[in-house]
Amino acid sequence: MDTREVEKTILKLEARSQIENLMGHYAHYLTAAKYHDIVNLFAKRDDSRAEMAFGVYDGFEGIKRCYDNFHADCISGPGLMAVHALTTPVIEVADDMQTAKAVWISPGHITGDMFSAKKELKRTLQQAAGNLPRKV
């Protein structure tokens, strides 16, 4: 390995570390119900995306709808708590160091009645946001 390759490897490892730390903030904010803080972790780009079991949210405006609206309305309040641990990171930093793609398995739970009593509210919010679940 020449000096340039070593430098590039170090830069990619540093980028990976920063991405892992960013996702650590995400997991913490989710558990603390700091949904607006989660929004600010995302790049303000048209190609930002959040994929959830209940819908896909594209662009930064979609990210805001997902967390500032849906999460804040449905996953907050007495008796509700979301905890999602991060495991098995797969992080790929592009050779040009301009972008990265990553995915985690995130087992967790949400307490309370979000998926029962609030089911109709959830569907109403999804319809309003234009993010109904995709048919599988």
Protein backbone atom coordinates (compact mmCIF):
# COMPACT_ATOMS: atom_id res chain seq x y z
CA MET A 1 0.00 0.00 0.00
CA ASP A 2 1.40 3.39 -0.92
CA THR A 3 0.96 6.55 1.17
CA ARG A 4 -2.13 7.71 -0.76
CA GLU A 5 -3.89 4.39 -0.26
CA VAL A 6 -3.10 4.45 3.46
CA GLU A 7 -4.44 8.02 3.76
CA LYS A 8 -7.61 7.07 1.88
CA THR A 9 -8.13 4.05 4.13
CA ILE A 10 -7.73 6.22 7.23
CA LEU A 11 -10.18 8.81 5.87
CA LYS A 12 -12.75 6.09 5.13
CA LEU A 13 -12.35 4.67 8.64
CA GLU A 14 -12.81 8.15 10.13
CA ALA A 15 -15.94 8.65 8.01
CA ARG A 16 -17.28 5.29 9.15
CA SER A 17 -16.69 6.27 12.79
CA GLN A 18 -18.56 9.55 12.28
CA ILE A 19 -21.48 7.70 10.67
CA GLU A 20 -21.65 5.23 13.56
CA ASN A 21 -21.63 8.13 16.02
CA LEU A 22 -24.40 9.87 14.08
CA MET A 23 -26.53 6.73 14.28
CA GLY A 24 -25.77 6.52 18.00
CA HIS A 25 -27.27 10.00 18.35
CA TYR A 26 -30.29 8.81 16.36
CA ALA A 27 -30.87 5.84 18.67
CA HIS A 28 -30.52 8.06 21.74
CA TYR A 29 -32.88 10.74 20.40
CA LEU A 30 -35.45 8.10 19.45
CA THR A 31 -35.48 6.66 22.96
CA ALA A 32 -35.68 10.16 24.46
CA ALA A 33 -38.54 11.11 22.06
CA LYS A 34 -36.46 14.02 20.72
CA TYR A 35 -37.91 13.71 17.24
CA HIS A 36 -37.03 17.23 16.10
CA ASP A 37 -33.40 16.49 16.95
CA ILE A 38 -33.61 13.39 14.74
CA VAL A 39 -34.76 15.54 11.82
CA ASN A 40 -31.63 17.65 12.16
CA LEU A 41 -29.41 14.58 11.79
CA PHE A 42 -30.52 14.14 8.17
CA ALA A 43 -28.90 15.90 5.23
CA LYS A 44 -31.11 18.62 3.80
CA ARG A 45 -31.14 16.98 0.39
CA ASP A 46 -33.81 15.82 -2.02
CA ASP A 47 -32.39 12.28 -1.96
CA SER A 48 -32.62 11.90 1.84
CA ARG A 49 -34.89 8.98 2.70
CA ALA A 50 -36.37 7.20 5.70
CA GLU A 51 -37.96 3.79 5.18
CA MET A 52 -40.23 2.61 7.97
CA ALA A 53 -42.57 -0.35 8.32
CA PHE A 54 -45.45 2.12 7.99
CA GLY A 55 -44.21 4.13 5.01
CA VAL A 56 -41.41 5.64 2.96
CA TYR A 57 -40.49 9.29 3.44
CA ASP A 58 -38.52 10.94 0.63
CA GLY A 59 -36.60 14.21 0.70
CA PHE A 60 -35.90 16.41 3.70
CA GLU A 61 -39.55 17.53 3.81
CA GLY A 62 -40.56 13.86 3.98
CA ILE A 63 -38.12 13.32 6.85
CA LYS A 64 -39.72 16.23 8.70
CA ARG A 65 -43.21 14.74 8.16
CA CYS A 66 -42.00 11.40 9.46
CA TYR A 67 -40.46 12.67 12.70
CA ASP A 68 -41.99 16.08 13.46
CA ASN A 69 -45.50 14.90 12.56
CA PHE A 70 -45.98 11.14 12.67
CA HIS A 71 -43.50 10.18 15.42
CA ALA A 72 -44.30 13.24 17.54
CA ASP A 73 -48.03 12.55 17.30
CA CYS A 74 -48.03 8.75 17.62
CA ILE A 75 -44.96 7.78 19.63
CA SER A 76 -44.95 10.19 22.54
CA GLY A 77 -46.82 10.66 25.77
CA PRO A 78 -47.49 8.67 28.91
CA GLY A 79 -46.84 4.94 28.57
CA LEU A 80 -45.06 5.19 25.23
CA MET A 81 -41.37 4.55 24.74
CA ALA A 82 -39.42 3.50 21.68
CA VAL A 83 -36.10 1.71 22.07
CA HIS A 84 -34.21 0.42 19.04
CA ALA A 85 -30.70 -0.91 19.41
CA LEU A 86 -28.32 -0.78 16.46
CA THR A 87 -26.60 -3.98 15.36
CA THR A 88 -24.69 -5.33 12.36
CA PRO A 89 -23.72 -2.05 10.65
CA VAL A 90 -22.95 -2.22 6.96
CA ILE A 91 -21.34 1.08 5.97
CA GLU A 92 -19.91 1.76 2.52
CA VAL A 93 -18.06 5.03 2.01
CA ALA A 94 -17.65 5.97 -1.65
CA ASP A 95 -14.13 6.14 -3.03
CA ASP A 96 -14.59 9.86 -3.77
CA MET A 97 -15.48 10.39 -0.06
CA GLN A 98 -18.56 12.43 -1.06
CA THR A 99 -21.25 9.94 -0.09
CA ALA A 100 -21.86 6.83 1.96
CA LYS A 101 -24.60 4.23 2.20
CA ALA A 102 -25.39 2.33 5.35
CA VAL A 103 -27.89 -0.06 6.84
CA TRP A 104 -28.39 -1.55 10.31
CA ILE A 105 -30.57 -4.20 11.82
CA SER A 106 -32.43 -2.39 14.57
CA PRO A 107 -34.35 -4.70 16.87
CA GLY A 108 -36.49 -2.90 19.37
CA HIS A 109 -39.86 -2.23 20.85
CA ILE A 110 -42.44 0.48 21.22
CA THR A 111 -44.51 0.36 24.39
CA GLY A 112 -48.05 1.56 24.83
CA ASP A 113 -50.97 1.23 22.47
CA MET A 114 -49.51 2.76 19.32
CA PHE A 115 -50.31 -0.30 17.23
CA SER A 116 -53.79 -0.92 18.58
CA ALA A 117 -55.90 1.97 19.88
CA LYS A 118 -54.06 4.54 17.79
CA LYS A 119 -54.16 2.48 14.59
CA GLU A 120 -56.78 4.72 12.98
CA LEU A 121 -54.86 7.87 13.96
CA LYS A 122 -51.74 6.35 12.43
CA ARG A 123 -53.55 5.64 9.16
CA THR A 124 -55.03 9.14 9.09
CA LEU A 125 -51.60 10.69 9.57
CA GLN A 126 -50.14 8.51 6.86
CA GLN A 127 -52.88 9.54 4.45
CA ALA A 128 -52.32 13.21 5.28
CA ALA A 129 -48.59 12.83 4.72
CA GLY A 130 -49.10 10.93 1.49
CA ASN A 131 -47.17 7.96 2.90
CA LEU A 132 -49.45 4.96 3.09
CA PRO A 133 -47.58 1.67 3.46
CA ARG A 134 -46.57 -0.04 0.29
CA LYS A 135 -48.42 -3.23 -0.55
CA VAL A 136 -46.14 -6.25 -0.34
